[in-house]
Amino acid sequence: MRGITEEEIRYAFGTKTFTRGQDYFEEGYVEHAVKMGDSLHGTVLGSAPNPYIVAVEIAQDEICAECSCPVGRMCK
């Protein structure tokens, strides 16, 4: 996985979502984060009884993210 800057993440997700994701991480809601090639997979605690499954992939300078939460993508 190539290096990615904080600014690239903020641009891809937007400032509000970036800040929410940062808060989730700092508050310990991000669990089992694993890097696999050009992707990251993990679980995130949210309002549901079970953790949400999150996957982020970096492909050709584009960040794509999917989540099992109601929003579904680019959310955390």
PDB file of N, CA and C in Angstrom:
ATOM      1  N   MET A   1       0.865  -1.181   0.000  1.00  0.00           N
ATOM      2  CA  MET A   1       0.000   0.000   0.000  1.00  0.00           C
ATOM      3  C   MET A   1       0.900   1.229   0.000  1.00  0.00           C
ATOM      4  N   ARG A   2       0.614   2.127  -0.887  1.00  0.00           N
ATOM      5  CA  ARG A   2       1.402   3.355  -0.929  1.00  0.00           C
ATOM      6  C   ARG A   2       1.043   4.213   0.276  1.00  0.00           C
ATOM      7  N   GLY A   3       1.929   5.126   0.622  1.00  0.00           N
ATOM      8  CA  GLY A   3       1.619   6.048   1.706  1.00  0.00           C
ATOM      9  C   GLY A   3       0.480   6.972   1.307  1.00  0.00           C
ATOM     10  N   ILE A   4      -0.311   7.344   2.267  1.00  0.00           N
ATOM     11  CA  ILE A   4      -1.424   8.253   2.009  1.00  0.00           C
ATOM     12  C   ILE A   4      -1.407   9.321   3.091  1.00  0.00           C
ATOM     13  N   THR A   5      -1.648  10.539   2.690  1.00  0.00           N
ATOM     14  CA  THR A   5      -1.568  11.637   3.642  1.00  0.00           C
ATOM     15  C   THR A   5      -2.916  11.894   4.311  1.00  0.00           C
ATOM     16  N   GLU A   6      -2.844  12.567   5.429  1.00  0.00           N
ATOM     17  CA  GLU A   6      -4.061  12.971   6.137  1.00  0.00           C
ATOM     18  C   GLU A   6      -4.926  13.860   5.248  1.00  0.00           C
ATOM     19  N   GLU A   7      -4.305  14.725   4.483  1.00  0.00           N
ATOM     20  CA  GLU A   7      -5.054  15.617   3.589  1.00  0.00           C
ATOM     21  C   GLU A   7      -5.789  14.839   2.496  1.00  0.00           C
ATOM     22  N   GLU A   8      -5.164  13.783   1.969  1.00  0.00           N
ATOM     23  CA  GLU A   8      -5.839  12.956   0.958  1.00  0.00           C
ATOM     24  C   GLU A   8      -7.068  12.270   1.553  1.00  0.00           C
ATOM     25  N   ILE A   9      -6.948  11.809   2.782  1.00  0.00           N
ATOM     26  CA  ILE A   9      -8.086  11.169   3.453  1.00  0.00           C
ATOM     27  C   ILE A   9      -9.190  12.193   3.694  1.00  0.00           C
ATOM     28  N   ARG A  10      -8.810  13.362   4.188  1.00  0.00           N
ATOM     29  CA  ARG A  10      -9.785  14.426   4.455  1.00  0.00           C
ATOM     30  C   ARG A  10     -10.499  14.836   3.160  1.00  0.00           C
ATOM     31  N   TYR A  11      -9.765  14.925   2.060  1.00  0.00           N
ATOM     32  CA  TYR A  11     -10.358  15.301   0.771  1.00  0.00           C
ATOM     33  C   TYR A  11     -11.349  14.229   0.295  1.00  0.00           C
ATOM     34  N   ALA A  12     -10.975  12.959   0.419  1.00  0.00           N
ATOM     35  CA  ALA A  12     -11.821  11.861  -0.065  1.00  0.00           C
ATOM     36  C   ALA A  12     -13.108  11.713   0.745  1.00  0.00           C
ATOM     37  N   PHE A  13     -13.019  11.893   2.060  1.00  0.00           N
ATOM     38  CA  PHE A  13     -14.167  11.656   2.935  1.00  0.00           C
ATOM     39  C   PHE A  13     -14.909  12.919   3.336  1.00  0.00           C
ATOM     40  N   GLY A  14     -14.259  14.067   3.218  1.00  0.00           N
ATOM     41  CA  GLY A  14     -14.850  15.308   3.710  1.00  0.00           C
ATOM     42  C   GLY A  14     -14.441  15.533   5.160  1.00  0.00           C
ATOM     43  N   THR A  15     -14.383  16.788   5.565  1.00  0.00           N
ATOM     44  CA  THR A  15     -13.897  17.137   6.895  1.00  0.00           C
ATOM     45  C   THR A  15     -14.759  16.543   8.008  1.00  0.00           C
ATOM     46  N   LYS A  16     -16.073  16.584   7.866  1.00  0.00           N
ATOM     47  CA  LYS A  16     -16.965  16.077   8.915  1.00  0.00           C
ATOM     48  C   LYS A  16     -16.753  14.577   9.142  1.00  0.00           C
ATOM     49  N   THR A  17     -16.719  13.803   8.077  1.00  0.00           N
ATOM     50  CA  THR A  17     -16.524  12.355   8.192  1.00  0.00           C
ATOM     51  C   THR A  17     -15.119  12.039   8.672  1.00  0.00           C
ATOM     52  N   PHE A  18     -14.124  12.774   8.192  1.00  0.00           N
ATOM     53  CA  PHE A  18     -12.751  12.582   8.644  1.00  0.00           C
ATOM     54  C   PHE A  18     -12.660  12.775  10.153  1.00  0.00           C
ATOM     55  N   THR A  19     -13.249  13.852  10.649  1.00  0.00           N
ATOM     56  CA  THR A  19     -13.211  14.150  12.082  1.00  0.00           C
ATOM     57  C   THR A  19     -13.934  13.068  12.881  1.00  0.00           C
ATOM     58  N   ARG A  20     -15.078  12.604  12.392  1.00  0.00           N
ATOM     59  CA  ARG A  20     -15.818  11.534  13.069  1.00  0.00           C
ATOM     60  C   ARG A  20     -14.963  10.271  13.139  1.00  0.00           C
ATOM     61  N   GLY A  21     -14.322   9.908  12.040  1.00  0.00           N
ATOM     62  CA  GLY A  21     -13.459   8.727  12.019  1.00  0.00           C
ATOM     63  C   GLY A  21     -12.289   8.857  12.970  1.00  0.00           C
ATOM     64  N   GLN A  22     -11.710  10.034  13.015  1.00  0.00           N
ATOM     65  CA  GLN A  22     -10.599  10.289  13.928  1.00  0.00           C
ATOM     66  C   GLN A  22     -11.067  10.147  15.380  1.00  0.00           C
ATOM     67  N   ASP A  23     -12.246  10.677  15.680  1.00  0.00           N
ATOM     68  CA  ASP A  23     -12.814  10.554  17.029  1.00  0.00           C
ATOM     69  C   ASP A  23     -13.066   9.086  17.380  1.00  0.00           C
ATOM     70  N   TYR A  24     -13.627   8.325  16.449  1.00  0.00           N
ATOM     71  CA  TYR A  24     -13.872   6.894  16.687  1.00  0.00           C
ATOM     72  C   TYR A  24     -12.560   6.198  17.036  1.00  0.00           C
ATOM     73  N   PHE A  25     -11.506   6.510  16.292  1.00  0.00           N
ATOM     74  CA  PHE A  25     -10.207   5.891  16.544  1.00  0.00           C
ATOM     75  C   PHE A  25      -9.674   6.285  17.919  1.00  0.00           C
ATOM     76  N   GLU A  26      -9.676   7.581  18.216  1.00  0.00           N
ATOM     77  CA  GLU A  26      -9.129   8.072  19.486  1.00  0.00           C
ATOM     78  C   GLU A  26      -9.917   7.567  20.690  1.00  0.00           C
ATOM     79  N   GLU A  27     -11.211   7.306  20.511  1.00  0.00           N
ATOM     80  CA  GLU A  27     -12.051   6.821  21.609  1.00  0.00           C
ATOM     81  C   GLU A  27     -12.054   5.293  21.712  1.00  0.00           C
ATOM     82  N   GLY A  28     -11.268   4.626  20.855  1.00  0.00           N
ATOM     83  CA  GLY A  28     -11.117   3.180  20.939  1.00  0.00           C
ATOM     84  C   GLY A  28     -12.219   2.373  20.283  1.00  0.00           C
ATOM     85  N   TYR A  29     -12.999   2.984  19.383  1.00  0.00           N
ATOM     86  CA  TYR A  29     -14.089   2.278  18.712  1.00  0.00           C
ATOM     87  C   TYR A  29     -13.619   1.452  17.516  1.00  0.00           C
ATOM     88  N   VAL A  30     -12.409   1.693  17.041  1.00  0.00           N
ATOM     89  CA  VAL A  30     -11.876   0.930  15.907  1.00  0.00           C
ATOM     90  C   VAL A  30     -11.226  -0.341  16.457  1.00  0.00           C
ATOM     91  N   GLU A  31     -11.687  -1.480  15.969  1.00  0.00           N
ATOM     92  CA  GLU A  31     -11.165  -2.768  16.424  1.00  0.00           C
ATOM     93  C   GLU A  31     -10.612  -3.558  15.242  1.00  0.00           C
ATOM     94  N   HIS A  32      -9.659  -4.415  15.516  1.00  0.00           N
ATOM     95  CA  HIS A  32      -9.184  -5.407  14.554  1.00  0.00           C
ATOM     96  C   HIS A  32      -8.837  -4.832  13.184  1.00  0.00           C
ATOM     97  N   ALA A  33      -8.195  -3.687  13.124  1.00  0.00           N
ATOM     98  CA  ALA A  33      -7.786  -3.114  11.839  1.00  0.00           C
ATOM     99  C   ALA A  33      -6.598  -3.902  11.286  1.00  0.00           C
ATOM    100  N   VAL A  34      -6.723  -4.338  10.030  1.00  0.00           N
ATOM    101  CA  VAL A  34      -5.693  -5.146   9.392  1.00  0.00           C
ATOM    102  C   VAL A  34      -5.425  -4.608   7.990  1.00  0.00           C
ATOM    103  N   LYS A  35      -4.145  -4.460   7.652  1.00  0.00           N
ATOM    104  CA  LYS A  35      -3.747  -4.045   6.305  1.00  0.00           C
ATOM    105  C   LYS A  35      -3.513  -5.297   5.470  1.00  0.00           C
ATOM    106  N   MET A  36      -4.133  -5.344   4.290  1.00  0.00           N
ATOM    107  CA  MET A  36      -3.961  -6.465   3.369  1.00  0.00           C
ATOM    108  C   MET A  36      -3.745  -5.898   1.972  1.00  0.00           C
ATOM    109  N   GLY A  37      -2.500  -5.885   1.519  1.00  0.00           N
ATOM    110  CA  GLY A  37      -2.195  -5.316   0.209  1.00  0.00           C
ATOM    111  C   GLY A  37      -2.528  -3.838   0.164  1.00  0.00           C
ATOM    112  N   ASP A  38      -3.381  -3.452  -0.776  1.00  0.00           N
ATOM    113  CA  ASP A  38      -3.789  -2.056  -0.919  1.00  0.00           C
ATOM    114  C   ASP A  38      -5.119  -1.775  -0.232  1.00  0.00           C
ATOM    115  N   SER A  39      -5.438  -2.552   0.789  1.00  0.00           N
ATOM    116  CA  SER A  39      -6.703  -2.326   1.485  1.00  0.00           C
ATOM    117  C   SER A  39      -6.540  -2.459   2.994  1.00  0.00           C
ATOM    118  N   LEU A  40      -7.487  -1.879   3.697  1.00  0.00           N
ATOM    119  CA  LEU A  40      -7.575  -1.978   5.151  1.00  0.00           C
ATOM    120  C   LEU A  40      -8.939  -2.568   5.479  1.00  0.00           C
ATOM    121  N   HIS A  41      -8.971  -3.474   6.433  1.00  0.00           N
ATOM    122  CA  HIS A  41     -10.221  -4.093   6.864  1.00  0.00           C
ATOM    123  C   HIS A  41     -10.277  -4.030   8.381  1.00  0.00           C
ATOM    124  N   GLY A  42     -11.455  -3.812   8.917  1.00  0.00           N
ATOM    125  CA  GLY A  42     -11.588  -3.787  10.356  1.00  0.00           C
ATOM    126  C   GLY A  42     -13.028  -3.728  10.791  1.00  0.00           C
ATOM    127  N   THR A  43     -13.202  -3.632  12.089  1.00  0.00           N
ATOM    128  CA  THR A  43     -14.532  -3.472  12.657  1.00  0.00           C
ATOM    129  C   THR A  43     -14.547  -2.209  13.497  1.00  0.00           C
ATOM    130  N   VAL A  44     -15.706  -1.570  13.533  1.00  0.00           N
ATOM    131  CA  VAL A  44     -15.871  -0.315  14.261  1.00  0.00           C
ATOM    132  C   VAL A  44     -17.133  -0.413  15.109  1.00  0.00           C
ATOM    133  N   LEU A  45     -17.000  -0.085  16.384  1.00  0.00           N
ATOM    134  CA  LEU A  45     -18.161  -0.061  17.267  1.00  0.00           C
ATOM    135  C   LEU A  45     -18.995   1.165  16.950  1.00  0.00           C
ATOM    136  N   GLY A  46     -20.303   0.979  16.888  1.00  0.00           N
ATOM    137  CA  GLY A  46     -21.215   2.088  16.615  1.00  0.00           C
ATOM    138  C   GLY A  46     -22.450   1.964  17.474  1.00  0.00           C
ATOM    139  N   SER A  47     -23.568   2.429  16.976  1.00  0.00           N
ATOM    140  CA  SER A  47     -24.806   2.416  17.749  1.00  0.00           C
ATOM    141  C   SER A  47     -25.516   1.062  17.721  1.00  0.00           C
ATOM    142  N   ALA A  48     -25.163   0.196  16.794  1.00  0.00           N
ATOM    143  CA  ALA A  48     -25.783  -1.130  16.701  1.00  0.00           C
ATOM    144  C   ALA A  48     -25.157  -2.074  17.732  1.00  0.00           C
ATOM    145  N   PRO A  49     -25.846  -3.154  18.079  1.00  0.00           N
ATOM    146  CA  PRO A  49     -25.301  -4.092  19.060  1.00  0.00           C
ATOM    147  C   PRO A  49     -24.022  -4.794  18.582  1.00  0.00           C
ATOM    148  N   ASN A  50     -23.895  -5.009  17.278  1.00  0.00           N
ATOM    149  CA  ASN A  50     -22.701  -5.652  16.722  1.00  0.00           C
ATOM    150  C   ASN A  50     -21.840  -4.621  16.005  1.00  0.00           C
ATOM    151  N   PRO A  51     -20.511  -4.814  16.016  1.00  0.00           N
ATOM    152  CA  PRO A  51     -19.627  -3.872  15.311  1.00  0.00           C
ATOM    153  C   PRO A  51     -19.914  -3.845  13.811  1.00  0.00           C
ATOM    154  N   TYR A  52     -19.638  -2.700  13.200  1.00  0.00           N
ATOM    155  CA  TYR A  52     -19.762  -2.559  11.753  1.00  0.00           C
ATOM    156  C   TYR A  52     -18.484  -3.068  11.099  1.00  0.00           C
ATOM    157  N   ILE A  53     -18.611  -3.666   9.935  1.00  0.00           N
ATOM    158  CA  ILE A  53     -17.467  -4.137   9.166  1.00  0.00           C
ATOM    159  C   ILE A  53     -17.113  -3.051   8.154  1.00  0.00           C
ATOM    160  N   VAL A  54     -15.846  -2.647   8.154  1.00  0.00           N
ATOM    161  CA  VAL A  54     -15.389  -1.554   7.300  1.00  0.00           C
ATOM    162  C   VAL A  54     -14.243  -2.047   6.417  1.00  0.00           C
ATOM    163  N   ALA A  55     -14.269  -1.658   5.141  1.00  0.00           N
ATOM    164  CA  ALA A  55     -13.192  -1.980   4.206  1.00  0.00           C
ATOM    165  C   ALA A  55     -12.840  -0.723   3.421  1.00  0.00           C
ATOM    166  N   VAL A  56     -11.553  -0.439   3.336  1.00  0.00           N
ATOM    167  CA  VAL A  56     -11.061   0.724   2.594  1.00  0.00           C
ATOM    168  C   VAL A  56     -10.035   0.230   1.587  1.00  0.00           C
ATOM    169  N   GLU A  57     -10.173   0.671   0.342  1.00  0.00           N
ATOM    170  CA  GLU A  57      -9.237   0.270  -0.702  1.00  0.00           C
ATOM    171  C   GLU A  57      -8.692   1.505  -1.400  1.00  0.00           C
ATOM    172  N   ILE A  58      -7.389   1.464  -1.665  1.00  0.00           N
ATOM    173  CA  ILE A  58      -6.743   2.545  -2.410  1.00  0.00           C
ATOM    174  C   ILE A  58      -6.353   1.969  -3.762  1.00  0.00           C
ATOM    175  N   ALA A  59      -6.958   2.500  -4.821  1.00  0.00           N
ATOM    176  CA  ALA A  59      -6.699   2.006  -6.167  1.00  0.00           C
ATOM    177  C   ALA A  59      -6.478   3.186  -7.101  1.00  0.00           C
ATOM    178  N   GLN A  60      -5.308   3.242  -7.697  1.00  0.00           N
ATOM    179  CA  GLN A  60      -4.981   4.287  -8.665  1.00  0.00           C
ATOM    180  C   GLN A  60      -5.359   5.671  -8.147  1.00  0.00           C
ATOM    181  N   ASP A  61      -4.819   6.024  -6.999  1.00  0.00           N
ATOM    182  CA  ASP A  61      -5.010   7.345  -6.393  1.00  0.00           C
ATOM    183  C   ASP A  61      -6.459   7.655  -6.040  1.00  0.00           C
ATOM    184  N   GLU A  62      -7.269   6.641  -5.828  1.00  0.00           N
ATOM    185  CA  GLU A  62      -8.655   6.840  -5.409  1.00  0.00           C
ATOM    186  C   GLU A  62      -8.902   6.012  -4.156  1.00  0.00           C
ATOM    187  N   ILE A  63      -9.582   6.599  -3.194  1.00  0.00           N
ATOM    188  CA  ILE A  63      -9.920   5.900  -1.964  1.00  0.00           C
ATOM    189  C   ILE A  63     -11.391   5.506  -2.026  1.00  0.00           C
ATOM    190  N   CYS A  64     -11.662   4.234  -1.840  1.00  0.00           N
ATOM    191  CA  CYS A  64     -13.038   3.729  -1.806  1.00  0.00           C
ATOM    192  C   CYS A  64     -13.249   3.034  -0.470  1.00  0.00           C
ATOM    193  N   ALA A  65     -14.399   3.261   0.150  1.00  0.00           N
ATOM    194  CA  ALA A  65     -14.682   2.634   1.437  1.00  0.00           C
ATOM    195  C   ALA A  65     -16.108   2.121   1.474  1.00  0.00           C
ATOM    196  N   GLU A  66     -16.273   0.967   2.088  1.00  0.00           N
ATOM    197  CA  GLU A  66     -17.592   0.375   2.288  1.00  0.00           C
ATOM    198  C   GLU A  66     -17.736   0.022   3.755  1.00  0.00           C
ATOM    199  N   CYS A  67     -18.982   0.072   4.244  1.00  0.00           N
ATOM    200  CA  CYS A  67     -19.256  -0.199   5.647  1.00  0.00           C
ATOM    201  C   CYS A  67     -20.604  -0.901   5.757  1.00  0.00           C
ATOM    202  N   SER A  68     -20.746  -1.748   6.748  1.00  0.00           N
ATOM    203  CA  SER A  68     -22.016  -2.450   6.947  1.00  0.00           C
ATOM    204  C   SER A  68     -23.041  -1.611   7.711  1.00  0.00           C
ATOM    205  N   CYS A  69     -22.717  -0.365   8.028  1.00  0.00           N
ATOM    206  CA  CYS A  69     -23.662   0.526   8.708  1.00  0.00           C
ATOM    207  C   CYS A  69     -24.735   1.008   7.718  1.00  0.00           C
ATOM    208  N   PRO A  70     -25.781   1.669   8.192  1.00  0.00           N
ATOM    209  CA  PRO A  70     -26.837   2.157   7.289  1.00  0.00           C
ATOM    210  C   PRO A  70     -26.346   3.120   6.199  1.00  0.00           C
ATOM    211  N   VAL A  71     -25.291   3.880   6.470  1.00  0.00           N
ATOM    212  CA  VAL A  71     -24.759   4.804   5.456  1.00  0.00           C
ATOM    213  C   VAL A  71     -24.159   4.001   4.302  1.00  0.00           C
ATOM    214  N   GLY A  72     -23.411   2.977   4.613  1.00  0.00           N
ATOM    215  CA  GLY A  72     -22.925   2.044   3.610  1.00  0.00           C
ATOM    216  C   GLY A  72     -21.571   2.311   2.994  1.00  0.00           C
ATOM    217  N   ARG A  73     -21.168   3.569   2.884  1.00  0.00           N
ATOM    218  CA  ARG A  73     -19.862   3.848   2.271  1.00  0.00           C
ATOM    219  C   ARG A  73     -19.363   5.228   2.670  1.00  0.00           C
ATOM    220  N   MET A  74     -18.035   5.358   2.672  1.00  0.00           N
ATOM    221  CA  MET A  74     -17.361   6.632   2.959  1.00  0.00           C
ATOM    222  C   MET A  74     -17.916   7.295   4.232  1.00  0.00           C
ATOM    223  N   CYS A  75     -18.092   6.503   5.287  1.00  0.00           N
ATOM    224  CA  CYS A  75     -18.797   7.015   6.464  1.00  0.00           C
ATOM    225  C   CYS A  75     -17.930   7.143   7.708  1.00  0.00           C
ATOM    226  N   LYS A  76     -16.925   6.317   7.869  1.00  0.00           N
ATOM    227  CA  LYS A  76     -16.128   6.338   9.094  1.00  0.00           C
ATOM    228  C   LYS A  76     -14.656   6.421   8.752  1.00  0.00           C
TER     229      LYS A  76
END
